């Protein structure tokens, strides 16, 4: 009982809280999320990662399919100026494609994205 009469103390430990693990657009469950940090905890880094992933895809499509800037702009729904920036930036930045990244094991009961 608390100092106030007849009022029980509520255990505030997280394991006793009815937490709903609804996930987000990245993963159906927070416990199975592939991100090293929560997108809600660090939205700036999350959006930077999304942008870098998009930019890598633009460069890969340009290299593999030989599409022009207007074709890339239409394909990705971006402006031609944004495509020019991505292409120009890629000329000055070393590749950090999938072959340079390390994959972590997917927790049991979770699906890899």
PDB file of N, CA and C in Angstrom:
ATOM      1  N   UNK A   1       0.835  -1.187   0.000  1.00  0.00           N
ATOM      2  CA  UNK A   1       0.000   0.000   0.000  1.00  0.00           C
ATOM      3  C   UNK A   1       0.875   1.244   0.000  1.00  0.00           C
ATOM      4  N   UNK A   2       0.371   2.295  -0.568  1.00  0.00           N
ATOM      5  CA  UNK A   2       1.092   3.561  -0.633  1.00  0.00           C
ATOM      6  C   UNK A   2       0.849   4.357   0.651  1.00  0.00           C
ATOM      7  N   UNK A   3       1.582   5.458   0.795  1.00  0.00           N
ATOM      8  CA  UNK A   3       1.350   6.303   1.970  1.00  0.00           C
ATOM      9  C   UNK A   3      -0.105   6.755   2.076  1.00  0.00           C
ATOM     10  N   UNK A   4      -0.777   6.876   0.904  1.00  0.00           N
ATOM     11  CA  UNK A   4      -2.196   7.216   0.967  1.00  0.00           C
ATOM     12  C   UNK A   4      -2.968   5.954   1.315  1.00  0.00           C
ATOM     13  N   UNK A   5      -3.949   6.070   2.112  1.00  0.00           N
ATOM     14  CA  UNK A   5      -4.687   4.904   2.591  1.00  0.00           C
ATOM     15  C   UNK A   5      -5.463   4.212   1.465  1.00  0.00           C
ATOM     16  N   UNK A   6      -5.375   2.901   1.470  1.00  0.00           N
ATOM     17  CA  UNK A   6      -6.141   2.043   0.575  1.00  0.00           C
ATOM     18  C   UNK A   6      -5.886   2.278  -0.922  1.00  0.00           C
ATOM     19  N   UNK A   7      -4.739   2.848  -1.280  1.00  0.00           N
ATOM     20  CA  UNK A   7      -4.403   3.031  -2.695  1.00  0.00           C
ATOM     21  C   UNK A   7      -3.202   2.130  -2.990  1.00  0.00           C
ATOM     22  N   UNK A   8      -3.392   1.090  -3.824  1.00  0.00           N
ATOM     23  CA  UNK A   8      -2.284   0.176  -4.105  1.00  0.00           C
ATOM     24  C   UNK A   8      -1.192   0.854  -4.940  1.00  0.00           C
ATOM     25  N   UNK A   9       0.038   0.432  -4.724  1.00  0.00           N
ATOM     26  CA  UNK A   9       1.167   0.928  -5.518  1.00  0.00           C
ATOM     27  C   UNK A   9       1.172   0.163  -6.839  1.00  0.00           C
ATOM     28  N   UNK A  10       1.250   0.878  -7.933  1.00  0.00           N
ATOM     29  CA  UNK A  10       1.264   0.254  -9.251  1.00  0.00           C
ATOM     30  C   UNK A  10       2.712  -0.039  -9.624  1.00  0.00           C
ATOM     31  N   UNK A  11       2.965  -1.266  -9.997  1.00  0.00           N
ATOM     32  CA  UNK A  11       4.308  -1.658 -10.423  1.00  0.00           C
ATOM     33  C   UNK A  11       4.568  -1.047 -11.795  1.00  0.00           C
ATOM     34  N   UNK A  12       5.545  -0.176 -11.893  1.00  0.00           N
ATOM     35  CA  UNK A  12       5.827   0.538 -13.131  1.00  0.00           C
ATOM     36  C   UNK A  12       6.889  -0.149 -13.989  1.00  0.00           C
ATOM     37  N   UNK A  13       7.272  -1.367 -13.654  1.00  0.00           N
ATOM     38  CA  UNK A  13       8.263  -2.078 -14.456  1.00  0.00           C
ATOM     39  C   UNK A  13       7.705  -2.360 -15.848  1.00  0.00           C
ATOM     40  N   UNK A  14       8.525  -2.242 -16.885  1.00  0.00           N
ATOM     41  CA  UNK A  14       8.028  -2.433 -18.252  1.00  0.00           C
ATOM     42  C   UNK A  14       7.438  -3.818 -18.500  1.00  0.00           C
ATOM     43  N   UNK A  15       7.973  -4.838 -17.836  1.00  0.00           N
ATOM     44  CA  UNK A  15       7.430  -6.176 -18.074  1.00  0.00           C
ATOM     45  C   UNK A  15       6.022  -6.345 -17.525  1.00  0.00           C
ATOM     46  N   UNK A  16       5.571  -5.401 -16.697  1.00  0.00           N
ATOM     47  CA  UNK A  16       4.215  -5.457 -16.158  1.00  0.00           C
ATOM     48  C   UNK A  16       3.290  -4.434 -16.813  1.00  0.00           C
ATOM     49  N   UNK A  17       3.786  -3.774 -17.814  1.00  0.00           N
ATOM     50  CA  UNK A  17       2.977  -2.793 -18.539  1.00  0.00           C
ATOM     51  C   UNK A  17       2.389  -3.475 -19.773  1.00  0.00           C
ATOM     52  N   UNK A  18       1.120  -3.272 -20.069  1.00  0.00           N
ATOM     53  CA  UNK A  18       0.509  -3.937 -21.234  1.00  0.00           C
ATOM     54  C   UNK A  18       0.941  -3.270 -22.550  1.00  0.00           C
ATOM     55  N   UNK A  19       2.201  -3.425 -22.898  1.00  0.00           N
ATOM     56  CA  UNK A  19       2.789  -2.807 -24.091  1.00  0.00           C
ATOM     57  C   UNK A  19       2.319  -3.518 -25.350  1.00  0.00           C
ATOM     58  N   UNK A  20       1.816  -2.762 -26.293  1.00  0.00           N
ATOM     59  CA  UNK A  20       1.409  -3.320 -27.588  1.00  0.00           C
ATOM     60  C   UNK A  20       2.539  -3.101 -28.580  1.00  0.00           C
ATOM     61  N   UNK A  21       3.052  -4.162 -29.130  1.00  0.00           N
ATOM     62  CA  UNK A  21       4.141  -4.094 -30.097  1.00  0.00           C
ATOM     63  C   UNK A  21       3.539  -4.107 -31.496  1.00  0.00           C
ATOM     64  N   UNK A  22       3.098  -2.922 -31.947  1.00  0.00           N
ATOM     65  CA  UNK A  22       2.443  -2.802 -33.246  1.00  0.00           C
ATOM     66  C   UNK A  22       3.419  -2.589 -34.392  1.00  0.00           C
ATOM     67  N   UNK A  23       4.688  -2.332 -34.085  1.00  0.00           N
ATOM     68  CA  UNK A  23       5.664  -2.098 -35.136  1.00  0.00           C
ATOM     69  C   UNK A  23       5.403  -0.795 -35.866  1.00  0.00           C
ATOM     70  N   UNK A  24       5.834  -0.747 -37.125  1.00  0.00           N
ATOM     71  CA  UNK A  24       5.659   0.448 -37.965  1.00  0.00           C
ATOM     72  C   UNK A  24       5.740   0.016 -39.428  1.00  0.00           C
ATOM     73  N   UNK A  25       5.996   0.957 -40.324  1.00  0.00           N
ATOM     74  CA  UNK A  25       6.089   0.604 -41.739  1.00  0.00           C
ATOM     75  C   UNK A  25       7.360  -0.166 -42.074  1.00  0.00           C
ATOM     76  N   UNK A  26       8.329  -0.204 -41.159  1.00  0.00           N
ATOM     77  CA  UNK A  26       9.576  -0.932 -41.387  1.00  0.00           C
ATOM     78  C   UNK A  26       9.431  -2.393 -40.996  1.00  0.00           C
ATOM     79  N   UNK A  27       8.753  -2.667 -39.892  1.00  0.00           N
ATOM     80  CA  UNK A  27       8.633  -4.023 -39.371  1.00  0.00           C
ATOM     81  C   UNK A  27       7.297  -4.175 -38.644  1.00  0.00           C
ATOM     82  N   UNK A  28       6.689  -5.362 -38.733  1.00  0.00           N
ATOM     83  CA  UNK A  28       5.416  -5.562 -38.036  1.00  0.00           C
ATOM     84  C   UNK A  28       5.563  -5.626 -36.522  1.00  0.00           C
ATOM     85  N   UNK A  29       6.791  -5.766 -36.030  1.00  0.00           N
ATOM     86  CA  UNK A  29       7.035  -5.866 -34.602  1.00  0.00           C
ATOM     87  C   UNK A  29       8.338  -5.160 -34.249  1.00  0.00           C
ATOM     88  N   UNK A  30       8.338  -4.384 -33.171  1.00  0.00           N
ATOM     89  CA  UNK A  30       9.566  -3.706 -32.737  1.00  0.00           C
ATOM     90  C   UNK A  30      10.659  -4.707 -32.396  1.00  0.00           C
ATOM     91  N   UNK A  31      10.272  -5.830 -31.798  1.00  0.00           N
ATOM     92  CA  UNK A  31      11.257  -6.829 -31.388  1.00  0.00           C
ATOM     93  C   UNK A  31      11.891  -7.555 -32.568  1.00  0.00           C
ATOM     94  N   UNK A  32      11.263  -7.488 -33.740  1.00  0.00           N
ATOM     95  CA  UNK A  32      11.797  -8.141 -34.934  1.00  0.00           C
ATOM     96  C   UNK A  32      12.348  -7.123 -35.941  1.00  0.00           C
ATOM     97  N   UNK A  33      12.444  -5.884 -35.556  1.00  0.00           N
ATOM     98  CA  UNK A  33      12.867  -4.824 -36.474  1.00  0.00           C
ATOM     99  C   UNK A  33      14.331  -4.991 -36.872  1.00  0.00           C
ATOM    100  N   UNK A  34      14.644  -4.836 -38.170  1.00  0.00           N
ATOM    101  CA  UNK A  34      16.019  -4.971 -38.631  1.00  0.00           C
ATOM    102  C   UNK A  34      16.862  -3.714 -38.399  1.00  0.00           C
ATOM    103  N   UNK A  35      16.226  -2.609 -38.039  1.00  0.00           N
ATOM    104  CA  UNK A  35      16.979  -1.377 -37.837  1.00  0.00           C
ATOM    105  C   UNK A  35      17.787  -1.443 -36.544  1.00  0.00           C
ATOM    106  N   UNK A  36      18.992  -0.872 -36.552  1.00  0.00           N
ATOM    107  CA  UNK A  36      19.792  -0.871 -35.328  1.00  0.00           C
ATOM    108  C   UNK A  36      19.280   0.130 -34.289  1.00  0.00           C
ATOM    109  N   UNK A  37      18.390   1.037 -34.693  1.00  0.00           N
ATOM    110  CA  UNK A  37      17.787   2.027 -33.794  1.00  0.00           C
ATOM    111  C   UNK A  37      16.360   2.249 -34.273  1.00  0.00           C
ATOM    112  N   UNK A  38      15.511   2.735 -33.409  1.00  0.00           N
ATOM    113  CA  UNK A  38      14.116   2.979 -33.769  1.00  0.00           C
ATOM    114  C   UNK A  38      14.006   4.233 -34.626  1.00  0.00           C
ATOM    115  N   UNK A  39      13.225   4.146 -35.685  1.00  0.00           N
ATOM    116  CA  UNK A  39      13.057   5.299 -36.569  1.00  0.00           C
ATOM    117  C   UNK A  39      12.411   6.476 -35.845  1.00  0.00           C
ATOM    118  N   UNK A  40      11.666   6.199 -34.782  1.00  0.00           N
ATOM    119  CA  UNK A  40      11.041   7.269 -34.022  1.00  0.00           C
ATOM    120  C   UNK A  40      12.018   7.915 -33.037  1.00  0.00           C
ATOM    121  N   UNK A  41      13.032   7.162 -32.614  1.00  0.00           N
ATOM    122  CA  UNK A  41      14.040   7.710 -31.713  1.00  0.00           C
ATOM    123  C   UNK A  41      15.013   8.623 -32.442  1.00  0.00           C
ATOM    124  N   UNK A  42      15.299   8.319 -33.711  1.00  0.00           N
ATOM    125  CA  UNK A  42      16.271   9.094 -34.484  1.00  0.00           C
ATOM    126  C   UNK A  42      15.767   9.281 -35.917  1.00  0.00           C
ATOM    127  N   UNK A  43      14.739  10.136 -36.110  1.00  0.00           N
ATOM    128  CA  UNK A  43      14.159  10.285 -37.446  1.00  0.00           C
ATOM    129  C   UNK A  43      15.121  10.869 -38.469  1.00  0.00           C
ATOM    130  N   UNK A  44      16.071  11.697 -38.045  1.00  0.00           N
ATOM    131  CA  UNK A  44      17.025  12.295 -38.997  1.00  0.00           C
ATOM    132  C   UNK A  44      17.873  11.200 -39.639  1.00  0.00           C
ATOM    133  N   UNK A  45      18.410  10.316 -38.819  1.00  0.00           N
ATOM    134  CA  UNK A  45      19.230   9.220 -39.346  1.00  0.00           C
ATOM    135  C   UNK A  45      18.386   8.283 -40.200  1.00  0.00           C
ATOM    136  N   UNK A  46      17.168   7.995 -39.778  1.00  0.00           N
ATOM    137  CA  UNK A  46      16.282   7.122 -40.545  1.00  0.00           C
ATOM    138  C   UNK A  46      16.037   7.695 -41.941  1.00  0.00           C
ATOM    139  N   UNK A  47      15.711   8.975 -42.015  1.00  0.00           N
ATOM    140  CA  UNK A  47      15.437   9.589 -43.320  1.00  0.00           C
ATOM    141  C   UNK A  47      16.699   9.675 -44.178  1.00  0.00           C
ATOM    142  N   UNK A  48      17.852   9.877 -43.546  1.00  0.00           N
ATOM    143  CA  UNK A  48      19.110   9.886 -44.292  1.00  0.00           C
ATOM    144  C   UNK A  48      19.366   8.505 -44.900  1.00  0.00           C
ATOM    145  N   UNK A  49      19.115   7.457 -44.128  1.00  0.00           N
ATOM    146  CA  UNK A  49      19.284   6.091 -44.634  1.00  0.00           C
ATOM    147  C   UNK A  49      18.332   5.816 -45.800  1.00  0.00           C
ATOM    148  N   UNK A  50      17.091   6.268 -45.687  1.00  0.00           N
ATOM    149  CA  UNK A  50      16.138   6.100 -46.786  1.00  0.00           C
ATOM    150  C   UNK A  50      16.624   6.813 -48.045  1.00  0.00           C
ATOM    151  N   UNK A  51      17.113   8.033 -47.873  1.00  0.00           N
ATOM    152  CA  UNK A  51      17.601   8.820 -49.002  1.00  0.00           C
ATOM    153  C   UNK A  51      18.825   8.151 -49.641  1.00  0.00           C
ATOM    154  N   UNK A  52      19.747   7.665 -48.803  1.00  0.00           N
ATOM    155  CA  UNK A  52      20.946   7.011 -49.334  1.00  0.00           C
ATOM    156  C   UNK A  52      20.583   5.722 -50.073  1.00  0.00           C
ATOM    157  N   UNK A  53      19.608   4.995 -49.558  1.00  0.00           N
ATOM    158  CA  UNK A  53      19.150   3.779 -50.221  1.00  0.00           C
ATOM    159  C   UNK A  53      18.529   4.111 -51.578  1.00  0.00           C
ATOM    160  N   UNK A  54      17.695   5.155 -51.609  1.00  0.00           N
ATOM    161  CA  UNK A  54      17.086   5.594 -52.862  1.00  0.00           C
ATOM    162  C   UNK A  54      18.148   6.021 -53.850  1.00  0.00           C
ATOM    163  N   UNK A  55      19.128   6.801 -53.383  1.00  0.00           N
ATOM    164  CA  UNK A  55      20.194   7.284 -54.262  1.00  0.00           C
ATOM    165  C   UNK A  55      20.995   6.125 -54.847  1.00  0.00           C
ATOM    166  N   UNK A  56      21.273   5.114 -54.032  1.00  0.00           N
ATOM    167  CA  UNK A  56      22.002   3.936 -54.511  1.00  0.00           C
ATOM    168  C   UNK A  56      21.209   3.214 -55.595  1.00  0.00           C
ATOM    169  N   UNK A  57      19.899   3.137 -55.381  1.00  0.00           N
ATOM    170  CA  UNK A  57      19.050   2.481 -56.370  1.00  0.00           C
ATOM    171  C   UNK A  57      19.028   3.273 -57.680  1.00  0.00           C
ATOM    172  N   UNK A  58      18.976   4.596 -57.593  1.00  0.00           N
ATOM    173  CA  UNK A  58      19.010   5.437 -58.795  1.00  0.00           C
ATOM    174  C   UNK A  58      20.308   5.180 -59.572  1.00  0.00           C
ATOM    175  N   UNK A  59      21.436   5.173 -58.878  1.00  0.00           N
ATOM    176  CA  UNK A  59      22.726   4.959 -59.532  1.00  0.00           C
ATOM    177  C   UNK A  59      22.795   3.560 -60.137  1.00  0.00           C
ATOM    178  N   UNK A  60      22.273   2.567 -59.440  1.00  0.00           N
ATOM    179  CA  UNK A  60      22.303   1.204 -59.958  1.00  0.00           C
ATOM    180  C   UNK A  60      21.454   1.082 -61.226  1.00  0.00           C
ATOM    181  N   UNK A  61      20.263   1.672 -61.233  1.00  0.00           N
ATOM    182  CA  UNK A  61      19.403   1.617 -62.415  1.00  0.00           C
ATOM    183  C   UNK A  61      20.069   2.368 -63.574  1.00  0.00           C
ATOM    184  N   UNK A  62      20.691   3.499 -63.282  1.00  0.00           N
ATOM    185  CA  UNK A  62      21.394   4.261 -64.334  1.00  0.00           C
ATOM    186  C   UNK A  62      22.514   3.427 -64.927  1.00  0.00           C
ATOM    187  N   UNK A  63      23.280   2.754 -64.061  1.00  0.00           N
ATOM    188  CA  UNK A  63      24.412   1.956 -64.523  1.00  0.00           C
ATOM    189  C   UNK A  63      23.941   0.705 -65.274  1.00  0.00           C
ATOM    190  N   UNK A  64      22.972  -0.018 -64.709  1.00  0.00           N
ATOM    191  CA  UNK A  64      22.545  -1.297 -65.281  1.00  0.00           C
ATOM    192  C   UNK A  64      21.659  -1.153 -66.514  1.00  0.00           C
ATOM    193  N   UNK A  65      20.768  -0.166 -66.495  1.00  0.00           N
ATOM    194  CA  UNK A  65      19.804  -0.033 -67.589  1.00  0.00           C
ATOM    195  C   UNK A  65      20.129   1.122 -68.528  1.00  0.00           C
ATOM    196  N   UNK A  66      21.102   1.934 -68.156  1.00  0.00           N
ATOM    197  CA  UNK A  66      21.519   3.038 -69.024  1.00  0.00           C
ATOM    198  C   UNK A  66      20.444   4.087 -69.256  1.00  0.00           C
ATOM    199  N   UNK A  67      19.576   4.279 -68.279  1.00  0.00           N
ATOM    200  CA  UNK A  67      18.494   5.261 -68.443  1.00  0.00           C
ATOM    201  C   UNK A  67      19.044   6.680 -68.377  1.00  0.00           C
ATOM    202  N   UNK A  68      18.372   7.567 -69.089  1.00  0.00           N
ATOM    203  CA  UNK A  68      18.749   8.984 -69.088  1.00  0.00           C
ATOM    204  C   UNK A  68      18.190   9.663 -67.840  1.00  0.00           C
ATOM    205  N   UNK A  69      18.606  10.896 -67.603  1.00  0.00           N
ATOM    206  CA  UNK A  69      18.126  11.650 -66.443  1.00  0.00           C
ATOM    207  C   UNK A  69      16.606  11.816 -66.481  1.00  0.00           C
ATOM    208  N   UNK A  70      16.003  12.220 -67.615  1.00  0.00           N
ATOM    209  CA  UNK A  70      14.531  12.330 -67.620  1.00  0.00           C
ATOM    210  C   UNK A  70      13.833  10.992 -67.356  1.00  0.00           C
ATOM    211  N   UNK A  71      14.396   9.909 -67.897  1.00  0.00           N
ATOM    212  CA  UNK A  71      13.796   8.588 -67.655  1.00  0.00           C
ATOM    213  C   UNK A  71      13.908   8.194 -66.182  1.00  0.00           C
ATOM    214  N   UNK A  72      15.064   8.465 -65.573  1.00  0.00           N
ATOM    215  CA  UNK A  72      15.234   8.173 -64.147  1.00  0.00           C
ATOM    216  C   UNK A  72      14.290   9.012 -63.301  1.00  0.00           C
ATOM    217  N   UNK A  73      14.139  10.278 -63.656  1.00  0.00           N
ATOM    218  CA  UNK A  73      13.248  11.167 -62.911  1.00  0.00           C
ATOM    219  C   UNK A  73      11.814  10.634 -62.943  1.00  0.00           C
ATOM    220  N   UNK A  74      11.381  10.194 -64.106  1.00  0.00           N
ATOM    221  CA  UNK A  74      10.027   9.661 -64.215  1.00  0.00           C
ATOM    222  C   UNK A  74       9.909   8.324 -63.485  1.00  0.00           C
ATOM    223  N   UNK A  75      10.905   7.475 -63.611  1.00  0.00           N
ATOM    224  CA  UNK A  75      10.887   6.153 -62.976  1.00  0.00           C
ATOM    225  C   UNK A  75      10.794   6.256 -61.448  1.00  0.00           C
ATOM    226  N   UNK A  76      11.532   7.187 -60.858  1.00  0.00           N
ATOM    227  CA  UNK A  76      11.577   7.312 -59.401  1.00  0.00           C
ATOM    228  C   UNK A  76      10.651   8.388 -58.844  1.00  0.00           C
ATOM    229  N   UNK A  77       9.996   9.139 -59.717  1.00  0.00           N
ATOM    230  CA  UNK A  77       9.096  10.190 -59.253  1.00  0.00           C
ATOM    231  C   UNK A  77       9.846  11.355 -58.622  1.00  0.00           C
ATOM    232  N   UNK A  78      11.025  11.649 -59.155  1.00  0.00           N
ATOM    233  CA  UNK A  78      11.853  12.749 -58.654  1.00  0.00           C
ATOM    234  C   UNK A  78      12.026  13.788 -59.741  1.00  0.00           C
ATOM    235  N   UNK A  79      12.495  14.960 -59.351  1.00  0.00           N
ATOM    236  CA  UNK A  79      12.777  15.981 -60.364  1.00  0.00           C
ATOM    237  C   UNK A  79      14.089  15.648 -61.070  1.00  0.00           C
ATOM    238  N   UNK A  80      14.250  16.187 -62.272  1.00  0.00           N
ATOM    239  CA  UNK A  80      15.497  15.974 -63.002  1.00  0.00           C
ATOM    240  C   UNK A  80      16.670  16.579 -62.242  1.00  0.00           C
ATOM    241  N   UNK A  81      16.440  17.689 -61.572  1.00  0.00           N
ATOM    242  CA  UNK A  81      17.505  18.330 -60.795  1.00  0.00           C
ATOM    243  C   UNK A  81      17.985  17.411 -59.659  1.00  0.00           C
ATOM    244  N   UNK A  82      17.037  16.728 -59.001  1.00  0.00           N
ATOM    245  CA  UNK A  82      17.403  15.797 -57.934  1.00  0.00           C
ATOM    246  C   UNK A  82      18.230  14.644 -58.502  1.00  0.00           C
ATOM    247  N   UNK A  83      17.855  14.139 -59.668  1.00  0.00           N
ATOM    248  CA  UNK A  83      18.632  13.064 -60.312  1.00  0.00           C
ATOM    249  C   UNK A  83      20.034  13.560 -60.631  1.00  0.00           C
ATOM    250  N   UNK A  84      20.153  14.774 -61.143  1.00  0.00           N
ATOM    251  CA  UNK A  84      21.481  15.344 -61.432  1.00  0.00           C
ATOM    252  C   UNK A  84      22.312  15.419 -60.147  1.00  0.00           C
ATOM    253  N   UNK A  85      21.709  15.849 -59.058  1.00  0.00           N
ATOM    254  CA  UNK A  85      22.440  15.935 -57.778  1.00  0.00           C
ATOM    255  C   UNK A  85      22.915  14.555 -57.317  1.00  0.00           C
ATOM    256  N   UNK A  86      22.042  13.562 -57.434  1.00  0.00           N
ATOM    257  CA  UNK A  86      22.391  12.205 -57.025  1.00  0.00           C
ATOM    258  C   UNK A  86      23.558  11.678 -57.852  1.00  0.00           C
ATOM    259  N   UNK A  87      23.487  11.862 -59.160  1.00  0.00           N
ATOM    260  CA  UNK A  87      24.548  11.384 -60.058  1.00  0.00           C
ATOM    261  C   UNK A  87      25.854  12.109 -59.771  1.00  0.00           C
ATOM    262  N   UNK A  88      25.791  13.410 -59.590  1.00  0.00           N
ATOM    263  CA  UNK A  88      27.006  14.189 -59.316  1.00  0.00           C
ATOM    264  C   UNK A  88      27.604  13.801 -57.963  1.00  0.00           C
ATOM    265  N   UNK A  89      26.770  13.617 -56.973  1.00  0.00           N
ATOM    266  CA  UNK A  89      27.254  13.233 -55.648  1.00  0.00           C
ATOM    267  C   UNK A  89      27.923  11.853 -55.692  1.00  0.00           C
ATOM    268  N   UNK A  90      27.361  10.933 -56.489  1.00  0.00           N
ATOM    269  CA  UNK A  90      27.899   9.569 -56.581  1.00  0.00           C
ATOM    270  C   UNK A  90      29.296   9.555 -57.191  1.00  0.00           C
ATOM    271  N   UNK A  91      29.621  10.551 -57.998  1.00  0.00           N
ATOM    272  CA  UNK A  91      30.956  10.625 -58.615  1.00  0.00           C
ATOM    273  C   UNK A  91      32.034  10.895 -57.574  1.00  0.00           C
ATOM    274  N   UNK A  92      31.657  11.530 -56.464  1.00  0.00           N
ATOM    275  CA  UNK A  92      32.625  11.960 -55.458  1.00  0.00           C
ATOM    276  C   UNK A  92      32.591  11.153 -54.173  1.00  0.00           C
ATOM    277  N   UNK A  93      31.703  10.153 -54.088  1.00  0.00           N
ATOM    278  CA  UNK A  93      31.555   9.370 -52.861  1.00  0.00           C
ATOM    279  C   UNK A  93      31.877   7.911 -53.165  1.00  0.00           C
ATOM    280  N   UNK A  94      32.722   7.262 -52.348  1.00  0.00           N
ATOM    281  CA  UNK A  94      32.998   5.842 -52.578  1.00  0.00           C
ATOM    282  C   UNK A  94      31.749   4.999 -52.379  1.00  0.00           C
ATOM    283  N   UNK A  95      31.698   3.879 -53.055  1.00  0.00           N
ATOM    284  CA  UNK A  95      30.539   2.992 -52.995  1.00  0.00           C
ATOM    285  C   UNK A  95      30.356   2.413 -51.598  1.00  0.00           C
ATOM    286  N   UNK A  96      29.108   2.418 -51.124  1.00  0.00           N
ATOM    287  CA  UNK A  96      28.752   1.766 -49.849  1.00  0.00           C
ATOM    288  C   UNK A  96      27.561   0.854 -50.089  1.00  0.00           C
ATOM    289  N   UNK A  97      27.615   0.130 -51.187  1.00  0.00           N
ATOM    290  CA  UNK A  97      26.507  -0.747 -51.567  1.00  0.00           C
ATOM    291  C   UNK A  97      26.360  -1.927 -50.631  1.00  0.00           C
ATOM    292  N   UNK A  98      25.451  -2.829 -50.970  1.00  0.00           N
ATOM    293  CA  UNK A  98      25.150  -3.976 -50.108  1.00  0.00           C
ATOM    294  C   UNK A  98      26.366  -4.862 -49.835  1.00  0.00           C
ATOM    295  N   UNK A  99      27.318  -4.894 -50.768  1.00  0.00           N
ATOM    296  CA  UNK A  99      28.480  -5.747 -50.552  1.00  0.00           C
ATOM    297  C   UNK A  99      29.374  -5.231 -49.430  1.00  0.00           C
ATOM    298  N   UNK A 100      29.205  -3.965 -49.022  1.00  0.00           N
ATOM    299  CA  UNK A 100      30.009  -3.385 -47.961  1.00  0.00           C
ATOM    300  C   UNK A 100      29.309  -3.399 -46.605  1.00  0.00           C
ATOM    301  N   UNK A 101      28.049  -3.839 -46.559  1.00  0.00           N
ATOM    302  CA  UNK A 101      27.285  -3.822 -45.316  1.00  0.00           C
ATOM    303  C   UNK A 101      27.269  -5.207 -44.691  1.00  0.00           C
ATOM    304  N   UNK A 102      27.154  -5.234 -43.386  1.00  0.00           N
ATOM    305  CA  UNK A 102      27.055  -6.510 -42.685  1.00  0.00           C
ATOM    306  C   UNK A 102      25.613  -6.747 -42.297  1.00  0.00           C
ATOM    307  N   UNK A 103      25.180  -7.980 -42.421  1.00  0.00           N
ATOM    308  CA  UNK A 103      23.808  -8.341 -42.082  1.00  0.00           C
ATOM    309  C   UNK A 103      23.783  -8.975 -40.695  1.00  0.00           C
ATOM    310  N   UNK A 104      22.781  -8.631 -39.908  1.00  0.00           N
ATOM    311  CA  UNK A 104      22.609  -9.240 -38.599  1.00  0.00           C
ATOM    312  C   UNK A 104      21.614 -10.386 -38.729  1.00  0.00           C
ATOM    313  N   UNK A 105      21.725 -11.352 -37.861  1.00  0.00           N
ATOM    314  CA  UNK A 105      20.813 -12.487 -37.881  1.00  0.00           C
ATOM    315  C   UNK A 105      19.402 -12.025 -37.521  1.00  0.00           C
ATOM    316  N   UNK A 106      18.410 -12.617 -38.167  1.00  0.00           N
ATOM    317  CA  UNK A 106      17.011 -12.311 -37.859  1.00  0.00           C
ATOM    318  C   UNK A 106      16.601 -13.091 -36.619  1.00  0.00           C
ATOM    319  N   UNK A 107      15.996 -12.420 -35.632  1.00  0.00           N
ATOM    320  CA  UNK A 107      15.575 -13.127 -34.415  1.00  0.00           C
ATOM    321  C   UNK A 107      14.594 -14.231 -34.729  1.00  0.00           C
ATOM    322  N   UNK A 108      14.570 -15.313 -33.945  1.00  0.00           N
ATOM    323  CA  UNK A 108      13.636 -16.410 -34.180  1.00  0.00           C
ATOM    324  C   UNK A 108      12.196 -15.904 -34.182  1.00  0.00           C
ATOM    325  N   UNK A 109      11.405 -16.404 -35.106  1.00  0.00           N
ATOM    326  CA  UNK A 109      10.002 -16.022 -35.199  1.00  0.00           C
ATOM    327  C   UNK A 109       9.765 -14.739 -35.958  1.00  0.00           C
ATOM    328  N   UNK A 110      10.819 -14.111 -36.466  1.00  0.00           N
ATOM    329  CA  UNK A 110      10.703 -12.869 -37.218  1.00  0.00           C
ATOM    330  C   UNK A 110      11.021 -13.136 -38.682  1.00  0.00           C
ATOM    331  N   UNK A 111      10.474 -12.316 -39.540  1.00  0.00           N
ATOM    332  CA  UNK A 111      10.717 -12.462 -40.966  1.00  0.00           C
ATOM    333  C   UNK A 111      11.712 -11.409 -41.419  1.00  0.00           C
ATOM    334  N   UNK A 112      12.670 -11.802 -42.209  1.00  0.00           N
ATOM    335  CA  UNK A 112      13.625 -10.841 -42.754  1.00  0.00           C
ATOM    336  C   UNK A 112      12.931  -9.983 -43.781  1.00  0.00           C
ATOM    337  N   UNK A 113      13.289  -8.703 -43.844  1.00  0.00           N
ATOM    338  CA  UNK A 113      12.670  -7.799 -44.822  1.00  0.00           C
ATOM    339  C   UNK A 113      13.436  -7.779 -46.102  1.00  0.00           C
TER     340      UNK A 113
END
